[in-house]
Amino acid sequence: MIDKTIRINYLYDFYQSLLTGKQNNYMRMYYLDDWSLGEIADHFQVSRQAVYDNIRRTEALLEEYEEKLSLFERYQERSGLMKKLRSLIEDGKDREDILRVLQKVENLE
């Protein structure tokens, strides 16, 4: 299972353009810049609880986007298939094995 912070960072990468400016600021500061809730609250002159609530709602929104659009899931599948394809090529596997994996990659598009 992927660590929650890593997952949220990936989801943020995929869906940040769908977030509001405030959501983007809070998420970037908390997850990418490693600011504490208190530091973010001080910077925006809001309560720590307001920052916490906004971040939790935004995390839930990112998960909802992923549930509907599956961009991260397809990225993970594609990455796994590309690793398998690289391995098949490096191991000198036959053309049919390579074509089967390529077909799976194409089906993800």
PDB file of N, CA and C in Angstrom:
ATOM      1  N   MET A   1       0.846  -1.193   0.000  1.00  0.00           N
ATOM      2  CA  MET A   1       0.000   0.000   0.000  1.00  0.00           C
ATOM      3  C   MET A   1       0.879   1.240   0.000  1.00  0.00           C
ATOM      4  N   ILE A   2       0.545   2.156  -0.841  1.00  0.00           N
ATOM      5  CA  ILE A   2       1.332   3.376  -0.976  1.00  0.00           C
ATOM      6  C   ILE A   2       1.079   4.302   0.224  1.00  0.00           C
ATOM      7  N   ASP A   3       2.116   4.905   0.716  1.00  0.00           N
ATOM      8  CA  ASP A   3       2.026   5.817   1.839  1.00  0.00           C
ATOM      9  C   ASP A   3       1.056   6.969   1.500  1.00  0.00           C
ATOM     10  N   LYS A   4       0.261   7.389   2.474  1.00  0.00           N
ATOM     11  CA  LYS A   4      -0.755   8.421   2.234  1.00  0.00           C
ATOM     12  C   LYS A   4      -0.141   9.712   1.687  1.00  0.00           C
ATOM     13  N   THR A   5       0.953  10.155   2.262  1.00  0.00           N
ATOM     14  CA  THR A   5       1.574  11.403   1.813  1.00  0.00           C
ATOM     15  C   THR A   5       2.015  11.294   0.358  1.00  0.00           C
ATOM     16  N   ILE A   6       2.620  10.178   0.005  1.00  0.00           N
ATOM     17  CA  ILE A   6       3.057   9.986  -1.384  1.00  0.00           C
ATOM     18  C   ILE A   6       1.848   9.949  -2.310  1.00  0.00           C
ATOM     19  N   ARG A   7       0.800   9.236  -1.897  1.00  0.00           N
ATOM     20  CA  ARG A   7      -0.415   9.164  -2.713  1.00  0.00           C
ATOM     21  C   ARG A   7      -1.022  10.556  -2.924  1.00  0.00           C
ATOM     22  N   ILE A   8      -1.143  11.333  -1.848  1.00  0.00           N
ATOM     23  CA  ILE A   8      -1.725  12.671  -1.967  1.00  0.00           C
ATOM     24  C   ILE A   8      -0.859  13.547  -2.868  1.00  0.00           C
ATOM     25  N   ASN A   9       0.464  13.410  -2.764  1.00  0.00           N
ATOM     26  CA  ASN A   9       1.339  14.175  -3.649  1.00  0.00           C
ATOM     27  C   ASN A   9       1.096  13.823  -5.116  1.00  0.00           C
ATOM     28  N   TYR A  10       0.951  12.532  -5.411  1.00  0.00           N
ATOM     29  CA  TYR A  10       0.649  12.119  -6.781  1.00  0.00           C
ATOM     30  C   TYR A  10      -0.705  12.663  -7.228  1.00  0.00           C
ATOM     31  N   LEU A  11      -1.718  12.511  -6.378  1.00  0.00           N
ATOM     32  CA  LEU A  11      -3.044  12.999  -6.740  1.00  0.00           C
ATOM     33  C   LEU A  11      -3.017  14.505  -6.962  1.00  0.00           C
ATOM     34  N   TYR A  12      -2.268  15.210  -6.120  1.00  0.00           N
ATOM     35  CA  TYR A  12      -2.131  16.661  -6.284  1.00  0.00           C
ATOM     36  C   TYR A  12      -1.480  16.988  -7.626  1.00  0.00           C
ATOM     37  N   ASP A  13      -0.452  16.242  -7.999  1.00  0.00           N
ATOM     38  CA  ASP A  13       0.193  16.460  -9.295  1.00  0.00           C
ATOM     39  C   ASP A  13      -0.802  16.312 -10.450  1.00  0.00           C
ATOM     40  N   PHE A  14      -1.645  15.298 -10.360  1.00  0.00           N
ATOM     41  CA  PHE A  14      -2.593  15.039 -11.435  1.00  0.00           C
ATOM     42  C   PHE A  14      -3.761  16.028 -11.465  1.00  0.00           C
ATOM     43  N   TYR A  15      -4.234  16.459 -10.312  1.00  0.00           N
ATOM     44  CA  TYR A  15      -5.498  17.194 -10.261  1.00  0.00           C
ATOM     45  C   TYR A  15      -5.403  18.623  -9.732  1.00  0.00           C
ATOM     46  N   GLN A  16      -4.200  19.148  -9.530  1.00  0.00           N
ATOM     47  CA  GLN A  16      -4.079  20.475  -8.926  1.00  0.00           C
ATOM     48  C   GLN A  16      -4.769  21.570  -9.729  1.00  0.00           C
ATOM     49  N   SER A  17      -4.838  21.404 -11.035  1.00  0.00           N
ATOM     50  CA  SER A  17      -5.475  22.440 -11.859  1.00  0.00           C
ATOM     51  C   SER A  17      -6.986  22.505 -11.631  1.00  0.00           C
ATOM     52  N   LEU A  18      -7.560  21.505 -10.965  1.00  0.00           N
ATOM     53  CA  LEU A  18      -8.990  21.496 -10.668  1.00  0.00           C
ATOM     54  C   LEU A  18      -9.304  22.129  -9.312  1.00  0.00           C
ATOM     55  N   LEU A  19      -8.279  22.501  -8.570  1.00  0.00           N
ATOM     56  CA  LEU A  19      -8.455  23.064  -7.234  1.00  0.00           C
ATOM     57  C   LEU A  19      -8.511  24.582  -7.283  1.00  0.00           C
ATOM     58  N   THR A  20      -9.088  25.162  -6.240  1.00  0.00           N
ATOM     59  CA  THR A  20      -9.115  26.620  -6.124  1.00  0.00           C
ATOM     60  C   THR A  20      -7.723  27.121  -5.725  1.00  0.00           C
ATOM     61  N   GLY A  21      -7.532  28.412  -5.806  1.00  0.00           N
ATOM     62  CA  GLY A  21      -6.254  28.997  -5.411  1.00  0.00           C
ATOM     63  C   GLY A  21      -5.911  28.713  -3.962  1.00  0.00           C
ATOM     64  N   LYS A  22      -6.898  28.857  -3.071  1.00  0.00           N
ATOM     65  CA  LYS A  22      -6.655  28.598  -1.645  1.00  0.00           C
ATOM     66  C   LYS A  22      -6.323  27.133  -1.407  1.00  0.00           C
ATOM     67  N   GLN A  23      -7.061  26.238  -2.052  1.00  0.00           N
ATOM     68  CA  GLN A  23      -6.773  24.808  -1.899  1.00  0.00           C
ATOM     69  C   GLN A  23      -5.353  24.503  -2.379  1.00  0.00           C
ATOM     70  N   ASN A  24      -4.985  25.068  -3.520  1.00  0.00           N
ATOM     71  CA  ASN A  24      -3.636  24.868  -4.045  1.00  0.00           C
ATOM     72  C   ASN A  24      -2.581  25.386  -3.079  1.00  0.00           C
ATOM     73  N   ASN A  25      -2.784  26.581  -2.553  1.00  0.00           N
ATOM     74  CA  ASN A  25      -1.807  27.154  -1.620  1.00  0.00           C
ATOM     75  C   ASN A  25      -1.626  26.272  -0.393  1.00  0.00           C
ATOM     76  N   TYR A  26      -2.719  25.888   0.235  1.00  0.00           N
ATOM     77  CA  TYR A  26      -2.636  25.076   1.446  1.00  0.00           C
ATOM     78  C   TYR A  26      -1.976  23.730   1.167  1.00  0.00           C
ATOM     79  N   MET A  27      -2.380  23.079   0.081  1.00  0.00           N
ATOM     80  CA  MET A  27      -1.814  21.760  -0.242  1.00  0.00           C
ATOM     81  C   MET A  27      -0.331  21.860  -0.584  1.00  0.00           C
ATOM     82  N   ARG A  28       0.026  22.853  -1.368  1.00  0.00           N
ATOM     83  CA  ARG A  28       1.432  23.026  -1.742  1.00  0.00           C
ATOM     84  C   ARG A  28       2.292  23.287  -0.510  1.00  0.00           C
ATOM     85  N   MET A  29       1.819  24.189   0.334  1.00  0.00           N
ATOM     86  CA  MET A  29       2.594  24.538   1.518  1.00  0.00           C
ATOM     87  C   MET A  29       2.711  23.343   2.471  1.00  0.00           C
ATOM     88  N   TYR A  30       1.621  22.610   2.660  1.00  0.00           N
ATOM     89  CA  TYR A  30       1.612  21.509   3.620  1.00  0.00           C
ATOM     90  C   TYR A  30       2.355  20.283   3.090  1.00  0.00           C
ATOM     91  N   TYR A  31       2.071  19.891   1.869  1.00  0.00           N
ATOM     92  CA  TYR A  31       2.643  18.645   1.346  1.00  0.00           C
ATOM     93  C   TYR A  31       3.964  18.828   0.611  1.00  0.00           C
ATOM     94  N   LEU A  32       4.108  19.898  -0.127  1.00  0.00           N
ATOM     95  CA  LEU A  32       5.332  20.056  -0.921  1.00  0.00           C
ATOM     96  C   LEU A  32       6.397  20.871  -0.190  1.00  0.00           C
ATOM     97  N   ASP A  33       5.963  21.926   0.488  1.00  0.00           N
ATOM     98  CA  ASP A  33       6.931  22.804   1.166  1.00  0.00           C
ATOM     99  C   ASP A  33       7.128  22.439   2.639  1.00  0.00           C
ATOM    100  N   ASP A  34       6.342  21.470   3.146  1.00  0.00           N
ATOM    101  CA  ASP A  34       6.472  20.942   4.504  1.00  0.00           C
ATOM    102  C   ASP A  34       6.233  21.988   5.590  1.00  0.00           C
ATOM    103  N   TRP A  35       5.286  22.876   5.358  1.00  0.00           N
ATOM    104  CA  TRP A  35       4.904  23.836   6.381  1.00  0.00           C
ATOM    105  C   TRP A  35       3.987  23.132   7.370  1.00  0.00           C
ATOM    106  N   SER A  36       4.019  23.549   8.614  1.00  0.00           N
ATOM    107  CA  SER A  36       3.101  23.015   9.620  1.00  0.00           C
ATOM    108  C   SER A  36       1.741  23.700   9.471  1.00  0.00           C
ATOM    109  N   LEU A  37       0.727  23.112  10.091  1.00  0.00           N
ATOM    110  CA  LEU A  37      -0.605  23.735  10.063  1.00  0.00           C
ATOM    111  C   LEU A  37      -0.549  25.125  10.701  1.00  0.00           C
ATOM    112  N   GLY A  38       0.201  25.237  11.775  1.00  0.00           N
ATOM    113  CA  GLY A  38       0.348  26.521  12.457  1.00  0.00           C
ATOM    114  C   GLY A  38       1.014  27.579  11.588  1.00  0.00           C
ATOM    115  N   GLU A  39       2.044  27.189  10.873  1.00  0.00           N
ATOM    116  CA  GLU A  39       2.733  28.141   9.993  1.00  0.00           C
ATOM    117  C   GLU A  39       1.806  28.623   8.871  1.00  0.00           C
ATOM    118  N   ILE A  40       1.048  27.711   8.306  1.00  0.00           N
ATOM    119  CA  ILE A  40       0.104  28.090   7.249  1.00  0.00           C
ATOM    120  C   ILE A  40      -0.968  29.013   7.828  1.00  0.00           C
ATOM    121  N   ALA A  41      -1.477  28.661   9.006  1.00  0.00           N
ATOM    122  CA  ALA A  41      -2.501  29.485   9.658  1.00  0.00           C
ATOM    123  C   ALA A  41      -1.974  30.899   9.926  1.00  0.00           C
ATOM    124  N   ASP A  42      -0.753  31.000  10.444  1.00  0.00           N
ATOM    125  CA  ASP A  42      -0.150  32.312  10.701  1.00  0.00           C
ATOM    126  C   ASP A  42       0.005  33.103   9.410  1.00  0.00           C
ATOM    127  N   HIS A  43       0.461  32.443   8.365  1.00  0.00           N
ATOM    128  CA  HIS A  43       0.692  33.118   7.078  1.00  0.00           C
ATOM    129  C   HIS A  43      -0.602  33.706   6.508  1.00  0.00           C
ATOM    130  N   PHE A  44      -1.693  32.967   6.623  1.00  0.00           N
ATOM    131  CA  PHE A  44      -2.972  33.412   6.056  1.00  0.00           C
ATOM    132  C   PHE A  44      -3.892  34.068   7.095  1.00  0.00           C
ATOM    133  N   GLN A  45      -3.395  34.173   8.328  1.00  0.00           N
ATOM    134  CA  GLN A  45      -4.146  34.787   9.425  1.00  0.00           C
ATOM    135  C   GLN A  45      -5.522  34.132   9.595  1.00  0.00           C
ATOM    136  N   VAL A  46      -5.500  32.803   9.671  1.00  0.00           N
ATOM    137  CA  VAL A  46      -6.701  32.012   9.930  1.00  0.00           C
ATOM    138  C   VAL A  46      -6.355  31.041  11.060  1.00  0.00           C
ATOM    139  N   SER A  47      -7.358  30.328  11.526  1.00  0.00           N
ATOM    140  CA  SER A  47      -7.095  29.373  12.603  1.00  0.00           C
ATOM    141  C   SER A  47      -6.427  28.109  12.055  1.00  0.00           C
ATOM    142  N   ARG A  48      -5.721  27.449  12.934  1.00  0.00           N
ATOM    143  CA  ARG A  48      -5.093  26.169  12.585  1.00  0.00           C
ATOM    144  C   ARG A  48      -6.170  25.162  12.171  1.00  0.00           C
ATOM    145  N   GLN A  49      -7.323  25.196  12.857  1.00  0.00           N
ATOM    146  CA  GLN A  49      -8.439  24.298  12.546  1.00  0.00           C
ATOM    147  C   GLN A  49      -8.976  24.559  11.136  1.00  0.00           C
ATOM    148  N   ALA A  50      -9.015  25.807  10.727  1.00  0.00           N
ATOM    149  CA  ALA A  50      -9.493  26.144   9.377  1.00  0.00           C
ATOM    150  C   ALA A  50      -8.560  25.550   8.322  1.00  0.00           C
ATOM    151  N   VAL A  51      -7.267  25.631   8.565  1.00  0.00           N
ATOM    152  CA  VAL A  51      -6.295  25.058   7.636  1.00  0.00           C
ATOM    153  C   VAL A  51      -6.457  23.541   7.590  1.00  0.00           C
ATOM    154  N   TYR A  52      -6.551  22.935   8.765  1.00  0.00           N
ATOM    155  CA  TYR A  52      -6.713  21.485   8.856  1.00  0.00           C
ATOM    156  C   TYR A  52      -7.961  21.029   8.095  1.00  0.00           C
ATOM    157  N   ASP A  53      -9.076  21.690   8.346  1.00  0.00           N
ATOM    158  CA  ASP A  53     -10.335  21.329   7.678  1.00  0.00           C
ATOM    159  C   ASP A  53     -10.224  21.475   6.166  1.00  0.00           C
ATOM    160  N   ASN A  54      -9.601  22.554   5.712  1.00  0.00           N
ATOM    161  CA  ASN A  54      -9.452  22.769   4.270  1.00  0.00           C
ATOM    162  C   ASN A  54      -8.593  21.685   3.636  1.00  0.00           C
ATOM    163  N   ILE A  55      -7.510  21.327   4.295  1.00  0.00           N
ATOM    164  CA  ILE A  55      -6.620  20.290   3.752  1.00  0.00           C
ATOM    165  C   ILE A  55      -7.339  18.948   3.710  1.00  0.00           C
ATOM    166  N   ARG A  56      -8.064  18.592   4.759  1.00  0.00           N
ATOM    167  CA  ARG A  56      -8.791  17.307   4.772  1.00  0.00           C
ATOM    168  C   ARG A  56      -9.871  17.275   3.696  1.00  0.00           C
ATOM    169  N   ARG A  57     -10.606  18.375   3.520  1.00  0.00           N
ATOM    170  CA  ARG A  57     -11.630  18.430   2.461  1.00  0.00           C
ATOM    171  C   ARG A  57     -10.984  18.323   1.080  1.00  0.00           C
ATOM    172  N   THR A  58      -9.842  18.962   0.918  1.00  0.00           N
ATOM    173  CA  THR A  58      -9.153  18.920  -0.376  1.00  0.00           C
ATOM    174  C   THR A  58      -8.614  17.523  -0.649  1.00  0.00           C
ATOM    175  N   GLU A  59      -8.094  16.844   0.366  1.00  0.00           N
ATOM    176  CA  GLU A  59      -7.660  15.455   0.199  1.00  0.00           C
ATOM    177  C   GLU A  59      -8.828  14.587  -0.262  1.00  0.00           C
ATOM    178  N   ALA A  60      -9.981  14.769   0.366  1.00  0.00           N
ATOM    179  CA  ALA A  60     -11.168  13.994  -0.017  1.00  0.00           C
ATOM    180  C   ALA A  60     -11.582  14.322  -1.450  1.00  0.00           C
ATOM    181  N   LEU A  61     -11.459  15.566  -1.835  1.00  0.00           N
ATOM    182  CA  LEU A  61     -11.795  15.982  -3.201  1.00  0.00           C
ATOM    183  C   LEU A  61     -10.843  15.341  -4.210  1.00  0.00           C
ATOM    184  N   LEU A  62      -9.553  15.315  -3.875  1.00  0.00           N
ATOM    185  CA  LEU A  62      -8.578  14.662  -4.759  1.00  0.00           C
ATOM    186  C   LEU A  62      -8.901  13.182  -4.926  1.00  0.00           C
ATOM    187  N   GLU A  63      -9.261  12.527  -3.830  1.00  0.00           N
ATOM    188  CA  GLU A  63      -9.647  11.109  -3.901  1.00  0.00           C
ATOM    189  C   GLU A  63     -10.905  10.936  -4.762  1.00  0.00           C
ATOM    190  N   GLU A  64     -11.833  11.862  -4.660  1.00  0.00           N
ATOM    191  CA  GLU A  64     -13.051  11.801  -5.471  1.00  0.00           C
ATOM    192  C   GLU A  64     -12.715  11.960  -6.962  1.00  0.00           C
ATOM    193  N   TYR A  65     -11.828  12.892  -7.276  1.00  0.00           N
ATOM    194  CA  TYR A  65     -11.399  13.059  -8.673  1.00  0.00           C
ATOM    195  C   TYR A  65     -10.766  11.771  -9.193  1.00  0.00           C
ATOM    196  N   GLU A  66      -9.926  11.158  -8.360  1.00  0.00           N
ATOM    197  CA  GLU A  66      -9.258   9.919  -8.770  1.00  0.00           C
ATOM    198  C   GLU A  66     -10.276   8.808  -8.974  1.00  0.00           C
ATOM    199  N   GLU A  67     -11.263   8.732  -8.101  1.00  0.00           N
ATOM    200  CA  GLU A  67     -12.295   7.704  -8.241  1.00  0.00           C
ATOM    201  C   GLU A  67     -13.038   7.848  -9.571  1.00  0.00           C
ATOM    202  N   LYS A  68     -13.255   9.081  -9.991  1.00  0.00           N
ATOM    203  CA  LYS A  68     -14.004   9.331 -11.228  1.00  0.00           C
ATOM    204  C   LYS A  68     -13.126   9.256 -12.478  1.00  0.00           C
ATOM    205  N   LEU A  69     -11.896   9.734 -12.386  1.00  0.00           N
ATOM    206  CA  LEU A  69     -11.050   9.862 -13.576  1.00  0.00           C
ATOM    207  C   LEU A  69      -9.942   8.813 -13.683  1.00  0.00           C
ATOM    208  N   SER A  70      -9.495   8.276 -12.577  1.00  0.00           N
ATOM    209  CA  SER A  70      -8.489   7.204 -12.515  1.00  0.00           C
ATOM    210  C   SER A  70      -7.172   7.517 -13.221  1.00  0.00           C
ATOM    211  N   LEU A  71      -6.772   8.761 -13.218  1.00  0.00           N
ATOM    212  CA  LEU A  71      -5.513   9.122 -13.879  1.00  0.00           C
ATOM    213  C   LEU A  71      -4.308   8.509 -13.179  1.00  0.00           C
ATOM    214  N   PHE A  72      -4.296   8.530 -11.853  1.00  0.00           N
ATOM    215  CA  PHE A  72      -3.173   7.968 -11.109  1.00  0.00           C
ATOM    216  C   PHE A  72      -3.132   6.454 -11.252  1.00  0.00           C
ATOM    217  N   GLU A  73      -4.276   5.807 -11.177  1.00  0.00           N
ATOM    218  CA  GLU A  73      -4.335   4.351 -11.331  1.00  0.00           C
ATOM    219  C   GLU A  73      -3.802   3.931 -12.700  1.00  0.00           C
ATOM    220  N   ARG A  74      -4.228   4.629 -13.744  1.00  0.00           N
ATOM    221  CA  ARG A  74      -3.745   4.290 -15.095  1.00  0.00           C
ATOM    222  C   ARG A  74      -2.253   4.579 -15.231  1.00  0.00           C
ATOM    223  N   TYR A  75      -1.774   5.629 -14.573  1.00  0.00           N
ATOM    224  CA  TYR A  75      -0.349   5.929 -14.570  1.00  0.00           C
ATOM    225  C   TYR A  75       0.439   4.784 -13.940  1.00  0.00           C
ATOM    226  N   GLN A  76      -0.062   4.270 -12.803  1.00  0.00           N
ATOM    227  CA  GLN A  76       0.614   3.164 -12.132  1.00  0.00           C
ATOM    228  C   GLN A  76       0.614   1.910 -13.012  1.00  0.00           C
ATOM    229  N   GLU A  77      -0.505   1.613 -13.644  1.00  0.00           N
ATOM    230  CA  GLU A  77      -0.583   0.442 -14.524  1.00  0.00           C
ATOM    231  C   GLU A  77       0.390   0.586 -15.690  1.00  0.00           C
ATOM    232  N   ARG A  78       0.399   1.757 -16.298  1.00  0.00           N
ATOM    233  CA  ARG A  78       1.293   2.012 -17.426  1.00  0.00           C
ATOM    234  C   ARG A  78       2.755   1.881 -17.005  1.00  0.00           C
ATOM    235  N   SER A  79       3.081   2.412 -15.825  1.00  0.00           N
ATOM    236  CA  SER A  79       4.460   2.321 -15.322  1.00  0.00           C
ATOM    237  C   SER A  79       4.867   0.872 -15.112  1.00  0.00           C
ATOM    238  N   GLY A  80       3.975   0.078 -14.527  1.00  0.00           N
ATOM    239  CA  GLY A  80       4.267  -1.340 -14.317  1.00  0.00           C
ATOM    240  C   GLY A  80       4.471  -2.081 -15.628  1.00  0.00           C
ATOM    241  N   LEU A  81       3.631  -1.785 -16.601  1.00  0.00           N
ATOM    242  CA  LEU A  81       3.769  -2.437 -17.908  1.00  0.00           C
ATOM    243  C   LEU A  81       5.056  -2.014 -18.609  1.00  0.00           C
ATOM    244  N   MET A  82       5.429  -0.761 -18.463  1.00  0.00           N
ATOM    245  CA  MET A  82       6.675  -0.295 -19.087  1.00  0.00           C
ATOM    246  C   MET A  82       7.893  -0.975 -18.452  1.00  0.00           C
ATOM    247  N   LYS A  83       7.854  -1.186 -17.138  1.00  0.00           N
ATOM    248  CA  LYS A  83       8.948  -1.908 -16.466  1.00  0.00           C
ATOM    249  C   LYS A  83       9.015  -3.345 -16.960  1.00  0.00           C
ATOM    250  N   LYS A  84       7.858  -3.961 -17.109  1.00  0.00           N
ATOM    251  CA  LYS A  84       7.807  -5.335 -17.607  1.00  0.00           C
ATOM    252  C   LYS A  84       8.327  -5.394 -19.039  1.00  0.00           C
ATOM    253  N   LEU A  85       7.939  -4.433 -19.837  1.00  0.00           N
ATOM    254  CA  LEU A  85       8.392  -4.379 -21.231  1.00  0.00           C
ATOM    255  C   LEU A  85       9.907  -4.222 -21.296  1.00  0.00           C
ATOM    256  N   ARG A  86      10.447  -3.330 -20.481  1.00  0.00           N
ATOM    257  CA  ARG A  86      11.907  -3.138 -20.441  1.00  0.00           C
ATOM    258  C   ARG A  86      12.600  -4.443 -20.069  1.00  0.00           C
ATOM    259  N   SER A  87      12.054  -5.127 -19.065  1.00  0.00           N
ATOM    260  CA  SER A  87      12.633  -6.391 -18.622  1.00  0.00           C
ATOM    261  C   SER A  87      12.596  -7.442 -19.734  1.00  0.00           C
ATOM    262  N   LEU A  88      11.478  -7.535 -20.435  1.00  0.00           N
ATOM    263  CA  LEU A  88      11.359  -8.496 -21.541  1.00  0.00           C
ATOM    264  C   LEU A  88      12.393  -8.218 -22.630  1.00  0.00           C
ATOM    265  N   ILE A  89      12.556  -6.950 -22.948  1.00  0.00           N
ATOM    266  CA  ILE A  89      13.525  -6.578 -23.988  1.00  0.00           C
ATOM    267  C   ILE A  89      14.946  -6.876 -23.535  1.00  0.00           C
ATOM    268  N   GLU A  90      15.268  -6.488 -22.286  1.00  0.00           N
ATOM    269  CA  GLU A  90      16.621  -6.725 -21.761  1.00  0.00           C
ATOM    270  C   GLU A  90      16.926  -8.213 -21.653  1.00  0.00           C
ATOM    271  N   ASP A  91      15.908  -9.037 -21.355  1.00  0.00           N
ATOM    272  CA  ASP A  91      16.097 -10.478 -21.230  1.00  0.00           C
ATOM    273  C   ASP A  91      16.056 -11.189 -22.574  1.00  0.00           C
ATOM    274  N   GLY A  92      15.834 -10.417 -23.648  1.00  0.00           N
ATOM    275  CA  GLY A  92      15.819 -11.006 -24.982  1.00  0.00           C
ATOM    276  C   GLY A  92      14.626 -11.909 -25.241  1.00  0.00           C
ATOM    277  N   LYS A  93      13.491 -11.603 -24.625  1.00  0.00           N
ATOM    278  CA  LYS A  93      12.296 -12.430 -24.817  1.00  0.00           C
ATOM    279  C   LYS A  93      11.818 -12.323 -26.270  1.00  0.00           C
ATOM    280  N   ASP A  94      10.974 -13.277 -26.636  1.00  0.00           N
ATOM    281  CA  ASP A  94      10.527 -13.297 -28.030  1.00  0.00           C
ATOM    282  C   ASP A  94       9.538 -12.172 -28.321  1.00  0.00           C
ATOM    283  N   ARG A  95       9.373 -11.939 -29.572  1.00  0.00           N
ATOM    284  CA  ARG A  95       8.559 -10.853 -30.101  1.00  0.00           C
ATOM    285  C   ARG A  95       7.106 -10.929 -29.613  1.00  0.00           C
ATOM    286  N   GLU A  96       6.561 -12.112 -29.495  1.00  0.00           N
ATOM    287  CA  GLU A  96       5.162 -12.280 -29.087  1.00  0.00           C
ATOM    288  C   GLU A  96       4.931 -11.787 -27.653  1.00  0.00           C
ATOM    289  N   ASP A  97       5.854 -12.089 -26.747  1.00  0.00           N
ATOM    290  CA  ASP A  97       5.731 -11.601 -25.368  1.00  0.00           C
ATOM    291  C   ASP A  97       5.741 -10.072 -25.336  1.00  0.00           C
ATOM    292  N   ILE A  98       6.636  -9.496 -26.086  1.00  0.00           N
ATOM    293  CA  ILE A  98       6.757  -8.034 -26.127  1.00  0.00           C
ATOM    294  C   ILE A  98       5.492  -7.418 -26.719  1.00  0.00           C
ATOM    295  N   LEU A  99       4.968  -8.003 -27.784  1.00  0.00           N
ATOM    296  CA  LEU A  99       3.761  -7.477 -28.409  1.00  0.00           C
ATOM    297  C   LEU A  99       2.551  -7.570 -27.481  1.00  0.00           C
ATOM    298  N   ARG A 100       2.474  -8.618 -26.674  1.00  0.00           N
ATOM    299  CA  ARG A 100       1.373  -8.753 -25.717  1.00  0.00           C
ATOM    300  C   ARG A 100       1.396  -7.609 -24.692  1.00  0.00           C
ATOM    301  N   VAL A 101       2.571  -7.301 -24.193  1.00  0.00           N
ATOM    302  CA  VAL A 101       2.681  -6.212 -23.222  1.00  0.00           C
ATOM    303  C   VAL A 101       2.375  -4.869 -23.888  1.00  0.00           C
ATOM    304  N   LEU A 102       2.859  -4.684 -25.095  1.00  0.00           N
ATOM    305  CA  LEU A 102       2.566  -3.455 -25.833  1.00  0.00           C
ATOM    306  C   LEU A 102       1.069  -3.278 -26.040  1.00  0.00           C
ATOM    307  N   GLN A 103       0.377  -4.367 -26.314  1.00  0.00           N
ATOM    308  CA  GLN A 103      -1.075  -4.324 -26.500  1.00  0.00           C
ATOM    309  C   GLN A 103      -1.766  -3.857 -25.219  1.00  0.00           C
ATOM    310  N   LYS A 104      -1.286  -4.334 -24.080  1.00  0.00           N
ATOM    311  CA  LYS A 104      -1.856  -3.908 -22.794  1.00  0.00           C
ATOM    312  C   LYS A 104      -1.638  -2.421 -22.574  1.00  0.00           C
ATOM    313  N   VAL A 105      -0.458  -1.927 -22.945  1.00  0.00           N
ATOM    314  CA  VAL A 105      -0.170  -0.486 -22.806  1.00  0.00           C
ATOM    315  C   VAL A 105      -1.121   0.310 -23.687  1.00  0.00           C
ATOM    316  N   GLU A 106      -1.293  -0.133 -24.908  1.00  0.00           N
ATOM    317  CA  GLU A 106      -2.192   0.580 -25.837  1.00  0.00           C
ATOM    318  C   GLU A 106      -3.625   0.573 -25.326  1.00  0.00           C
ATOM    319  N   ASN A 107      -4.049  -0.484 -24.677  1.00  0.00           N
ATOM    320  CA  ASN A 107      -5.420  -0.565 -24.165  1.00  0.00           C
ATOM    321  C   ASN A 107      -5.676   0.394 -23.010  1.00  0.00           C
ATOM    322  N   LEU A 108      -4.621   0.872 -22.372  1.00  0.00           N
ATOM    323  CA  LEU A 108      -4.764   1.831 -21.279  1.00  0.00           C
ATOM    324  C   LEU A 108      -5.006   3.251 -21.778  1.00  0.00           C
ATOM    325  N   GLU A 109      -4.680   3.508 -22.997  1.00  0.00           N
ATOM    326  CA  GLU A 109      -4.824   4.868 -23.559  1.00  0.00           C
ATOM    327  C   GLU A 109      -6.246   5.312 -23.592  1.00  0.00           C
TER     328      GLU A 109
END
